[in-house]
């Protein structure tokens, strides 16, 4: 007869968990599961706002931080906040973006013959200055340049924008799901031109995180990463939650395809516990039979 480990002998001999206690435990775990906010993959969210029709497939829309939708492709509809990308979100509701700026009021590129002087750049060096072909060179961070960059913005313009859905990535992994936080409105908006002093300061802030003791921890970036980010126009956006819109509109009806890590559909706690108990019973029977 095959050797049966003590733990399995004890289980086989009959130290069963009370069915009533098991049911109560399963119910409590199920309640915790049902009360937890739903999480979605970025693909879930994308397919909700961009249904997979032939037109959308041809368009090739790629999900980003700022996103429109199939219904209103030229207007900001939803925001996805990814892990470690916005260190000031929790404290100030501020995010930094460089893609799809055309979805923002005043976000379309300026068409005034502006060109940037490119040269080698080092973190410790001076910022590259903007050169305007028609009127000589000006610093992109000067008050005049900032006003010019934000010339199309007025409180009325920002206020007229519809509230946007905001999703935040949760968990410890960059592959974690995103939770719906509610509907938000733009409370403040500023554009930072490429190679400007403001952009350098913003990137230094963006690429620093606080550790468990509240100390700033710099995220190392190589020169190519700095150069790539400095060559782009960025926007700094402050979002404030719209409680009225969140209450009236409710959560988007997004179909979740979250998985349990094995490639199959997501299972409830009750289902997983049931499978675990069945697996233990099979192991016990197998050991007892000497198979």
C-alpha atoms as a PDB file:
ATOM      1  CA  UNK A   1       0.000   0.000   0.000  1.00  0.00           C
ATOM      2  CA  UNK A   2       1.335   3.423  -0.887  1.00  0.00           C
ATOM      3  CA  UNK A   3       2.538   5.761   1.827  1.00  0.00           C
ATOM      4  CA  UNK A   4      -0.070   8.342   2.850  1.00  0.00           C
ATOM      5  CA  UNK A   5       1.248  11.579   4.385  1.00  0.00           C
ATOM      6  CA  UNK A   6      -0.075  12.380   7.892  1.00  0.00           C
ATOM      7  CA  UNK A   7      -1.960  15.463   6.686  1.00  0.00           C
ATOM      8  CA  UNK A   8      -3.873  13.412   4.147  1.00  0.00           C
ATOM      9  CA  UNK A   9      -4.479  10.589   6.639  1.00  0.00           C
ATOM     10  CA  UNK A  10      -6.008  13.095   9.043  1.00  0.00           C
ATOM     11  CA  UNK A  11      -8.212  14.516   6.302  1.00  0.00           C
ATOM     12  CA  UNK A  12      -9.273  11.046   5.185  1.00  0.00           C
ATOM     13  CA  UNK A  13      -9.930   9.917   8.761  1.00  0.00           C
ATOM     14  CA  UNK A  14     -12.512  12.583   9.106  1.00  0.00           C
ATOM     15  CA  UNK A  15     -11.665  15.989  10.367  1.00  0.00           C
ATOM     16  CA  UNK A  16     -14.166  17.587   8.054  1.00  0.00           C
ATOM     17  CA  UNK A  17     -15.032  21.226   8.049  1.00  0.00           C
ATOM     18  CA  UNK A  18     -18.630  21.798   9.039  1.00  0.00           C
ATOM     19  CA  UNK A  19     -20.708  22.326   5.877  1.00  0.00           C
ATOM     20  CA  UNK A  20     -22.512  25.165   7.639  1.00  0.00           C
ATOM     21  CA  UNK A  21     -19.228  26.892   8.578  1.00  0.00           C
ATOM     22  CA  UNK A  22     -17.919  26.387   5.051  1.00  0.00           C
ATOM     23  CA  UNK A  23     -21.052  27.902   3.547  1.00  0.00           C
ATOM     24  CA  UNK A  24     -20.885  30.892   5.898  1.00  0.00           C
ATOM     25  CA  UNK A  25     -17.215  31.433   5.071  1.00  0.00           C
ATOM     26  CA  UNK A  26     -17.904  31.211   1.346  1.00  0.00           C
ATOM     27  CA  UNK A  27     -20.778  33.667   1.648  1.00  0.00           C
ATOM     28  CA  UNK A  28     -18.619  36.195   3.506  1.00  0.00           C
ATOM     29  CA  UNK A  29     -15.841  35.926   0.941  1.00  0.00           C
ATOM     30  CA  UNK A  30     -18.405  36.238  -1.822  1.00  0.00           C
ATOM     31  CA  UNK A  31     -19.750  39.417  -0.233  1.00  0.00           C
ATOM     32  CA  UNK A  32     -16.244  40.904  -0.128  1.00  0.00           C
ATOM     33  CA  UNK A  33     -15.803  39.978  -3.777  1.00  0.00           C
ATOM     34  CA  UNK A  34     -19.113  41.554  -4.827  1.00  0.00           C
ATOM     35  CA  UNK A  35     -18.448  44.748  -2.849  1.00  0.00           C
ATOM     36  CA  UNK A  36     -15.028  45.269  -4.437  1.00  0.00           C
ATOM     37  CA  UNK A  37     -14.912  47.751  -7.340  1.00  0.00           C
ATOM     38  CA  UNK A  38     -14.912  46.113 -10.741  1.00  0.00           C
ATOM     39  CA  UNK A  39     -11.651  46.083 -12.636  1.00  0.00           C
ATOM     40  CA  UNK A  40     -11.281  46.180 -16.393  1.00  0.00           C
ATOM     41  CA  UNK A  41      -8.428  45.637 -18.785  1.00  0.00           C
ATOM     42  CA  UNK A  42      -7.509  48.520 -21.058  1.00  0.00           C
ATOM     43  CA  UNK A  43      -8.892  46.393 -23.895  1.00  0.00           C
ATOM     44  CA  UNK A  44     -12.262  46.149 -22.102  1.00  0.00           C
ATOM     45  CA  UNK A  45     -12.447  49.918 -21.793  1.00  0.00           C
ATOM     46  CA  UNK A  46     -11.249  50.494 -25.325  1.00  0.00           C
ATOM     47  CA  UNK A  47     -13.819  48.129 -26.823  1.00  0.00           C
ATOM     48  CA  UNK A  48     -16.600  49.807 -24.816  1.00  0.00           C
ATOM     49  CA  UNK A  49     -15.863  53.238 -26.257  1.00  0.00           C
ATOM     50  CA  UNK A  50     -14.600  51.979 -29.619  1.00  0.00           C
ATOM     51  CA  UNK A  51     -16.811  49.013 -30.590  1.00  0.00           C
ATOM     52  CA  UNK A  52     -15.051  46.712 -33.022  1.00  0.00           C
ATOM     53  CA  UNK A  53     -16.824  47.791 -36.189  1.00  0.00           C
ATOM     54  CA  UNK A  54     -15.186  47.804 -39.598  1.00  0.00           C
ATOM     55  CA  UNK A  55     -14.819  51.599 -39.469  1.00  0.00           C
ATOM     56  CA  UNK A  56     -12.990  51.520 -36.139  1.00  0.00           C
ATOM     57  CA  UNK A  57     -10.744  48.677 -37.294  1.00  0.00           C
ATOM     58  CA  UNK A  58      -9.737  50.754 -40.284  1.00  0.00           C
ATOM     59  CA  UNK A  59      -9.089  53.754 -38.046  1.00  0.00           C
ATOM     60  CA  UNK A  60      -6.617  51.839 -35.906  1.00  0.00           C
ATOM     61  CA  UNK A  61      -7.268  53.809 -32.701  1.00  0.00           C
ATOM     62  CA  UNK A  62      -4.790  52.951 -29.942  1.00  0.00           C
ATOM     63  CA  UNK A  63      -5.720  53.458 -26.263  1.00  0.00           C
ATOM     64  CA  UNK A  64      -3.728  56.122 -24.420  1.00  0.00           C
ATOM     65  CA  UNK A  65      -4.091  58.329 -21.342  1.00  0.00           C
ATOM     66  CA  UNK A  66      -6.431  60.729 -23.163  1.00  0.00           C
ATOM     67  CA  UNK A  67      -9.040  59.148 -25.401  1.00  0.00           C
ATOM     68  CA  UNK A  68     -11.984  60.094 -27.542  1.00  0.00           C
ATOM     69  CA  UNK A  69     -14.647  57.605 -28.572  1.00  0.00           C
ATOM     70  CA  UNK A  70     -16.224  56.252 -31.718  1.00  0.00           C
ATOM     71  CA  UNK A  71     -19.200  58.562 -31.118  1.00  0.00           C
ATOM     72  CA  UNK A  72     -17.076  61.710 -30.609  1.00  0.00           C
ATOM     73  CA  UNK A  73     -13.545  60.911 -31.827  1.00  0.00           C
ATOM     74  CA  UNK A  74     -12.385  64.534 -31.640  1.00  0.00           C
ATOM     75  CA  UNK A  75     -13.463  65.178 -28.038  1.00  0.00           C
ATOM     76  CA  UNK A  76     -12.041  63.918 -24.750  1.00  0.00           C
ATOM     77  CA  UNK A  77     -14.293  61.115 -23.494  1.00  0.00           C
ATOM     78  CA  UNK A  78     -12.271  59.054 -21.030  1.00  0.00           C
ATOM     79  CA  UNK A  79      -8.918  59.044 -19.250  1.00  0.00           C
ATOM     80  CA  UNK A  80      -6.805  56.042 -18.247  1.00  0.00           C
ATOM     81  CA  UNK A  81      -4.261  56.570 -15.476  1.00  0.00           C
ATOM     82  CA  UNK A  82      -1.488  53.997 -15.529  1.00  0.00           C
ATOM     83  CA  UNK A  83       0.665  52.855 -12.629  1.00  0.00           C
ATOM     84  CA  UNK A  84       3.481  55.213 -11.540  1.00  0.00           C
ATOM     85  CA  UNK A  85       2.828  57.654 -14.405  1.00  0.00           C
ATOM     86  CA  UNK A  86       1.230  60.488 -12.439  1.00  0.00           C
ATOM     87  CA  UNK A  87       2.833  61.031  -9.010  1.00  0.00           C
ATOM     88  CA  UNK A  88       0.622  64.063  -8.249  1.00  0.00           C
ATOM     89  CA  UNK A  89      -2.702  62.417  -9.036  1.00  0.00           C
ATOM     90  CA  UNK A  90      -3.508  61.184  -5.532  1.00  0.00           C
ATOM     91  CA  UNK A  91      -2.484  64.398  -3.780  1.00  0.00           C
ATOM     92  CA  UNK A  92      -3.531  67.092  -6.271  1.00  0.00           C
ATOM     93  CA  UNK A  93      -5.562  65.486  -9.052  1.00  0.00           C
ATOM     94  CA  UNK A  94      -2.865  66.468 -11.561  1.00  0.00           C
ATOM     95  CA  UNK A  95      -1.799  64.376 -14.551  1.00  0.00           C
ATOM     96  CA  UNK A  96       0.852  64.814 -17.259  1.00  0.00           C
ATOM     97  CA  UNK A  97       0.210  63.857 -20.874  1.00  0.00           C
ATOM     98  CA  UNK A  98       1.913  64.188 -24.241  1.00  0.00           C
ATOM     99  CA  UNK A  99      -0.328  62.126 -26.540  1.00  0.00           C
ATOM    100  CA  UNK A 100      -3.681  63.028 -28.091  1.00  0.00           C
ATOM    101  CA  UNK A 101      -3.411  66.659 -26.963  1.00  0.00           C
ATOM    102  CA  UNK A 102      -5.706  67.606 -29.834  1.00  0.00           C
ATOM    103  CA  UNK A 103      -8.578  66.285 -27.694  1.00  0.00           C
ATOM    104  CA  UNK A 104      -8.030  69.194 -25.283  1.00  0.00           C
ATOM    105  CA  UNK A 105      -9.213  72.779 -25.796  1.00  0.00           C
ATOM    106  CA  UNK A 106      -6.282  74.646 -27.325  1.00  0.00           C
ATOM    107  CA  UNK A 107      -4.430  71.389 -27.821  1.00  0.00           C
ATOM    108  CA  UNK A 108      -4.062  71.462 -31.577  1.00  0.00           C
ATOM    109  CA  UNK A 109      -0.522  72.241 -32.768  1.00  0.00           C
ATOM    110  CA  UNK A 110       0.268  75.885 -33.391  1.00  0.00           C
ATOM    111  CA  UNK A 111       0.761  76.736 -37.062  1.00  0.00           C
ATOM    112  CA  UNK A 112       2.988  79.801 -36.821  1.00  0.00           C
ATOM    113  CA  UNK A 113       6.240  78.629 -38.393  1.00  0.00           C
ATOM    114  CA  UNK A 114       7.733  77.716 -35.009  1.00  0.00           C
ATOM    115  CA  UNK A 115      10.843  75.534 -35.170  1.00  0.00           C
ATOM    116  CA  UNK A 116      13.012  74.190 -32.372  1.00  0.00           C
ATOM    117  CA  UNK A 117      16.782  74.336 -32.325  1.00  0.00           C
ATOM    118  CA  UNK A 118      18.123  70.833 -31.710  1.00  0.00           C
ATOM    119  CA  UNK A 119      21.462  70.250 -30.061  1.00  0.00           C
ATOM    120  CA  UNK A 120      22.916  67.830 -27.539  1.00  0.00           C
ATOM    121  CA  UNK A 121      21.222  68.086 -24.168  1.00  0.00           C
ATOM    122  CA  UNK A 122      22.364  66.973 -20.737  1.00  0.00           C
ATOM    123  CA  UNK A 123      20.320  66.882 -17.553  1.00  0.00           C
ATOM    124  CA  UNK A 124      22.682  69.366 -15.886  1.00  0.00           C
ATOM    125  CA  UNK A 125      22.823  71.669 -18.888  1.00  0.00           C
ATOM    126  CA  UNK A 126      20.682  74.625 -19.858  1.00  0.00           C
ATOM    127  CA  UNK A 127      17.369  73.971 -21.607  1.00  0.00           C
ATOM    128  CA  UNK A 128      17.243  74.284 -25.346  1.00  0.00           C
ATOM    129  CA  UNK A 129      15.519  77.490 -26.342  1.00  0.00           C
ATOM    130  CA  UNK A 130      12.770  77.830 -28.872  1.00  0.00           C
ATOM    131  CA  UNK A 131      13.544  79.578 -32.141  1.00  0.00           C
ATOM    132  CA  UNK A 132      10.794  81.345 -34.013  1.00  0.00           C
ATOM    133  CA  UNK A 133      11.720  81.609 -37.662  1.00  0.00           C
ATOM    134  CA  UNK A 134       9.976  84.922 -38.312  1.00  0.00           C
ATOM    135  CA  UNK A 135      10.816  86.918 -35.186  1.00  0.00           C
ATOM    136  CA  UNK A 136      14.077  85.552 -33.818  1.00  0.00           C
ATOM    137  CA  UNK A 137      14.453  83.302 -30.796  1.00  0.00           C
ATOM    138  CA  UNK A 138      12.325  83.320 -27.664  1.00  0.00           C
ATOM    139  CA  UNK A 139      12.393  81.175 -24.564  1.00  0.00           C
ATOM    140  CA  UNK A 140       9.471  78.753 -24.664  1.00  0.00           C
ATOM    141  CA  UNK A 141       9.020  79.197 -20.914  1.00  0.00           C
ATOM    142  CA  UNK A 142       8.689  82.994 -20.991  1.00  0.00           C
ATOM    143  CA  UNK A 143       5.353  84.538 -19.887  1.00  0.00           C
ATOM    144  CA  UNK A 144       4.703  85.653 -23.463  1.00  0.00           C
ATOM    145  CA  UNK A 145       5.264  82.147 -24.794  1.00  0.00           C
ATOM    146  CA  UNK A 146       3.067  80.581 -22.111  1.00  0.00           C
ATOM    147  CA  UNK A 147       0.264  83.020 -22.901  1.00  0.00           C
ATOM    148  CA  UNK A 148       0.651  82.265 -26.596  1.00  0.00           C
ATOM    149  CA  UNK A 149       0.572  78.516 -25.980  1.00  0.00           C
ATOM    150  CA  UNK A 150      -2.662  78.866 -24.012  1.00  0.00           C
ATOM    151  CA  UNK A 151      -4.226  81.645 -26.081  1.00  0.00           C
ATOM    152  CA  UNK A 152      -7.326  79.626 -26.997  1.00  0.00           C
ATOM    153  CA  UNK A 153      -8.211  78.741 -23.411  1.00  0.00           C
ATOM    154  CA  UNK A 154     -10.893  80.538 -21.418  1.00  0.00           C
ATOM    155  CA  UNK A 155     -12.832  79.468 -18.314  1.00  0.00           C
ATOM    156  CA  UNK A 156     -15.911  79.281 -20.516  1.00  0.00           C
ATOM    157  CA  UNK A 157     -14.164  76.909 -22.933  1.00  0.00           C
ATOM    158  CA  UNK A 158     -13.086  74.539 -20.174  1.00  0.00           C
ATOM    159  CA  UNK A 159     -16.436  74.745 -18.382  1.00  0.00           C
ATOM    160  CA  UNK A 160     -18.312  73.854 -21.574  1.00  0.00           C
ATOM    161  CA  UNK A 161     -16.528  70.512 -21.852  1.00  0.00           C
ATOM    162  CA  UNK A 162     -18.530  67.451 -20.904  1.00  0.00           C
ATOM    163  CA  UNK A 163     -17.415  65.427 -17.866  1.00  0.00           C
ATOM    164  CA  UNK A 164     -15.040  62.609 -18.741  1.00  0.00           C
ATOM    165  CA  UNK A 165     -14.824  59.104 -17.294  1.00  0.00           C
ATOM    166  CA  UNK A 166     -11.599  58.411 -15.383  1.00  0.00           C
ATOM    167  CA  UNK A 167     -10.111  54.949 -14.834  1.00  0.00           C
ATOM    168  CA  UNK A 168      -7.102  54.232 -12.617  1.00  0.00           C
ATOM    169  CA  UNK A 169      -4.854  51.199 -12.692  1.00  0.00           C
ATOM    170  CA  UNK A 170      -4.820  49.385  -9.350  1.00  0.00           C
ATOM    171  CA  UNK A 171      -2.587  46.721  -7.855  1.00  0.00           C
ATOM    172  CA  UNK A 172       1.170  46.314  -7.882  1.00  0.00           C
ATOM    173  CA  UNK A 173       1.674  45.275 -11.490  1.00  0.00           C
ATOM    174  CA  UNK A 174       1.674  47.280 -14.703  1.00  0.00           C
ATOM    175  CA  UNK A 175      -0.667  44.581 -16.023  1.00  0.00           C
ATOM    176  CA  UNK A 176      -3.222  45.176 -13.258  1.00  0.00           C
ATOM    177  CA  UNK A 177      -6.788  46.102 -14.087  1.00  0.00           C
ATOM    178  CA  UNK A 178      -8.281  49.599 -14.046  1.00  0.00           C
ATOM    179  CA  UNK A 179     -11.115  50.773 -11.807  1.00  0.00           C
ATOM    180  CA  UNK A 180     -13.713  53.371 -12.705  1.00  0.00           C
ATOM    181  CA  UNK A 181     -13.223  56.359 -10.378  1.00  0.00           C
ATOM    182  CA  UNK A 182     -16.094  58.519 -11.592  1.00  0.00           C
ATOM    183  CA  UNK A 183     -16.669  61.459 -13.906  1.00  0.00           C
ATOM    184  CA  UNK A 184     -14.327  64.438 -13.766  1.00  0.00           C
ATOM    185  CA  UNK A 185     -14.022  67.921 -15.242  1.00  0.00           C
ATOM    186  CA  UNK A 186     -10.926  69.872 -16.203  1.00  0.00           C
ATOM    187  CA  UNK A 187     -10.277  72.445 -13.482  1.00  0.00           C
ATOM    188  CA  UNK A 188      -6.963  73.753 -14.832  1.00  0.00           C
ATOM    189  CA  UNK A 189      -4.935  73.189 -17.972  1.00  0.00           C
ATOM    190  CA  UNK A 190      -1.491  74.318 -19.073  1.00  0.00           C
ATOM    191  CA  UNK A 191       0.603  73.400 -22.095  1.00  0.00           C
ATOM    192  CA  UNK A 192       4.370  73.070 -21.768  1.00  0.00           C
ATOM    193  CA  UNK A 193       6.303  73.598 -24.955  1.00  0.00           C
ATOM    194  CA  UNK A 194       9.145  71.335 -25.990  1.00  0.00           C
ATOM    195  CA  UNK A 195      12.589  72.197 -24.583  1.00  0.00           C
ATOM    196  CA  UNK A 196      11.156  74.660 -22.044  1.00  0.00           C
ATOM    197  CA  UNK A 197      12.334  75.081 -18.459  1.00  0.00           C
ATOM    198  CA  UNK A 198       8.834  74.272 -17.200  1.00  0.00           C
ATOM    199  CA  UNK A 199       8.890  70.999 -19.122  1.00  0.00           C
ATOM    200  CA  UNK A 200      12.227  70.004 -17.597  1.00  0.00           C
ATOM    201  CA  UNK A 201      10.940  70.696 -14.087  1.00  0.00           C
ATOM    202  CA  UNK A 202       7.746  68.798 -14.791  1.00  0.00           C
ATOM    203  CA  UNK A 203       9.621  65.746 -16.101  1.00  0.00           C
ATOM    204  CA  UNK A 204      11.870  65.734 -13.044  1.00  0.00           C
ATOM    205  CA  UNK A 205       8.731  65.694 -10.912  1.00  0.00           C
ATOM    206  CA  UNK A 206       7.024  63.068 -13.048  1.00  0.00           C
ATOM    207  CA  UNK A 207      10.021  60.756 -12.850  1.00  0.00           C
ATOM    208  CA  UNK A 208      10.257  60.782  -9.080  1.00  0.00           C
ATOM    209  CA  UNK A 209       8.222  58.655  -6.699  1.00  0.00           C
ATOM    210  CA  UNK A 210       7.869  58.624  -2.935  1.00  0.00           C
ATOM    211  CA  UNK A 211       8.972  55.504  -1.116  1.00  0.00           C
ATOM    212  CA  UNK A 212       7.231  53.954   1.907  1.00  0.00           C
ATOM    213  CA  UNK A 213       8.866  56.562   4.181  1.00  0.00           C
ATOM    214  CA  UNK A 214       7.745  59.496   2.056  1.00  0.00           C
ATOM    215  CA  UNK A 215      11.166  60.161   0.565  1.00  0.00           C
ATOM    216  CA  UNK A 216      11.575  61.114  -3.096  1.00  0.00           C
ATOM    217  CA  UNK A 217      13.037  58.343  -5.229  1.00  0.00           C
ATOM    218  CA  UNK A 218      14.284  59.270  -8.687  1.00  0.00           C
ATOM    219  CA  UNK A 219      13.468  57.005 -11.600  1.00  0.00           C
ATOM    220  CA  UNK A 220      16.581  56.737 -13.730  1.00  0.00           C
ATOM    221  CA  UNK A 221      16.124  57.689 -17.366  1.00  0.00           C
ATOM    222  CA  UNK A 222      18.736  57.486 -20.065  1.00  0.00           C
ATOM    223  CA  UNK A 223      19.590  60.365 -22.364  1.00  0.00           C
ATOM    224  CA  UNK A 224      17.431  59.063 -25.208  1.00  0.00           C
ATOM    225  CA  UNK A 225      14.379  58.998 -22.920  1.00  0.00           C
ATOM    226  CA  UNK A 226      15.003  62.575 -21.834  1.00  0.00           C
ATOM    227  CA  UNK A 227      15.537  63.703 -25.402  1.00  0.00           C
ATOM    228  CA  UNK A 228      12.397  61.955 -26.633  1.00  0.00           C
ATOM    229  CA  UNK A 229      10.245  63.498 -23.892  1.00  0.00           C
ATOM    230  CA  UNK A 230      11.779  66.957 -24.254  1.00  0.00           C
ATOM    231  CA  UNK A 231      11.055  66.994 -27.974  1.00  0.00           C
ATOM    232  CA  UNK A 232       7.297  66.772 -27.362  1.00  0.00           C
ATOM    233  CA  UNK A 233       4.698  69.268 -26.268  1.00  0.00           C
ATOM    234  CA  UNK A 234       3.062  68.265 -22.972  1.00  0.00           C
ATOM    235  CA  UNK A 235      -0.057  69.217 -21.061  1.00  0.00           C
ATOM    236  CA  UNK A 236      -0.519  69.478 -17.305  1.00  0.00           C
ATOM    237  CA  UNK A 237      -4.159  68.843 -16.382  1.00  0.00           C
ATOM    238  CA  UNK A 238      -5.895  69.230 -13.041  1.00  0.00           C
ATOM    239  CA  UNK A 239      -9.061  67.157 -12.785  1.00  0.00           C
ATOM    240  CA  UNK A 240     -11.822  67.561 -10.221  1.00  0.00           C
ATOM    241  CA  UNK A 241     -14.531  64.991  -9.617  1.00  0.00           C
ATOM    242  CA  UNK A 242     -18.040  65.886 -10.744  1.00  0.00           C
ATOM    243  CA  UNK A 243     -20.199  64.216  -8.108  1.00  0.00           C
ATOM    244  CA  UNK A 244     -23.435  65.220  -9.834  1.00  0.00           C
ATOM    245  CA  UNK A 245     -22.410  63.672 -13.155  1.00  0.00           C
ATOM    246  CA  UNK A 246     -21.046  60.578 -11.403  1.00  0.00           C
ATOM    247  CA  UNK A 247     -24.355  60.098  -9.589  1.00  0.00           C
ATOM    248  CA  UNK A 248     -26.558  60.780 -12.603  1.00  0.00           C
ATOM    249  CA  UNK A 249     -24.569  58.901 -15.248  1.00  0.00           C
ATOM    250  CA  UNK A 250     -23.434  55.984 -13.098  1.00  0.00           C
ATOM    251  CA  UNK A 251     -20.692  53.543 -14.007  1.00  0.00           C
ATOM    252  CA  UNK A 252     -20.209  52.782 -17.713  1.00  0.00           C
ATOM    253  CA  UNK A 253     -21.698  49.437 -18.670  1.00  0.00           C
ATOM    254  CA  UNK A 254     -18.373  47.884 -19.622  1.00  0.00           C
ATOM    255  CA  UNK A 255     -18.200  44.172 -20.346  1.00  0.00           C
ATOM    256  CA  UNK A 256     -15.313  42.748 -18.314  1.00  0.00           C
ATOM    257  CA  UNK A 257     -13.059  40.058 -19.711  1.00  0.00           C
ATOM    258  CA  UNK A 258     -10.818  39.963 -16.611  1.00  0.00           C
ATOM    259  CA  UNK A 259      -9.059  36.649 -16.201  1.00  0.00           C
ATOM    260  CA  UNK A 260      -7.962  34.639 -13.195  1.00  0.00           C
ATOM    261  CA  UNK A 261      -4.380  34.237 -14.394  1.00  0.00           C
ATOM    262  CA  UNK A 262      -4.903  30.828 -16.010  1.00  0.00           C
ATOM    263  CA  UNK A 263      -6.296  32.095 -19.277  1.00  0.00           C
ATOM    264  CA  UNK A 264      -9.903  31.270 -18.415  1.00  0.00           C
ATOM    265  CA  UNK A 265     -12.761  33.569 -17.481  1.00  0.00           C
ATOM    266  CA  UNK A 266     -12.767  35.179 -14.046  1.00  0.00           C
ATOM    267  CA  UNK A 267     -14.302  32.993 -11.331  1.00  0.00           C
ATOM    268  CA  UNK A 268     -16.056  33.934  -8.135  1.00  0.00           C
ATOM    269  CA  UNK A 269     -14.540  33.188  -4.733  1.00  0.00           C
ATOM    270  CA  UNK A 270     -17.190  30.529  -4.126  1.00  0.00           C
ATOM    271  CA  UNK A 271     -16.297  28.761  -7.365  1.00  0.00           C
ATOM    272  CA  UNK A 272     -12.570  28.824  -6.621  1.00  0.00           C
ATOM    273  CA  UNK A 273     -13.080  27.487  -3.067  1.00  0.00           C
ATOM    274  CA  UNK A 274     -15.342  24.745  -4.372  1.00  0.00           C
ATOM    275  CA  UNK A 275     -12.694  23.682  -6.886  1.00  0.00           C
ATOM    276  CA  UNK A 276     -10.028  23.703  -4.160  1.00  0.00           C
ATOM    277  CA  UNK A 277     -12.148  21.443  -1.941  1.00  0.00           C
ATOM    278  CA  UNK A 278     -12.853  19.092  -4.834  1.00  0.00           C
ATOM    279  CA  UNK A 279      -9.151  18.971  -5.625  1.00  0.00           C
ATOM    280  CA  UNK A 280      -8.271  18.137  -2.024  1.00  0.00           C
ATOM    281  CA  UNK A 281     -10.877  15.376  -1.921  1.00  0.00           C
ATOM    282  CA  UNK A 282      -9.509  13.860  -5.138  1.00  0.00           C
ATOM    283  CA  UNK A 283      -5.955  13.926  -3.749  1.00  0.00           C
ATOM    284  CA  UNK A 284      -7.145  12.237  -0.549  1.00  0.00           C
ATOM    285  CA  UNK A 285      -9.021   9.517  -2.428  1.00  0.00           C
ATOM    286  CA  UNK A 286      -6.071   8.972  -4.753  1.00  0.00           C
ATOM    287  CA  UNK A 287      -3.635   8.613  -1.837  1.00  0.00           C
ATOM    288  CA  UNK A 288      -5.959   6.255   0.033  1.00  0.00           C
ATOM    289  CA  UNK A 289      -6.351   3.987  -2.985  1.00  0.00           C
ATOM    290  CA  UNK A 290      -2.601   3.810  -3.507  1.00  0.00           C
ATOM    291  CA  UNK A 291      -2.914   5.085  -7.080  1.00  0.00           C
END
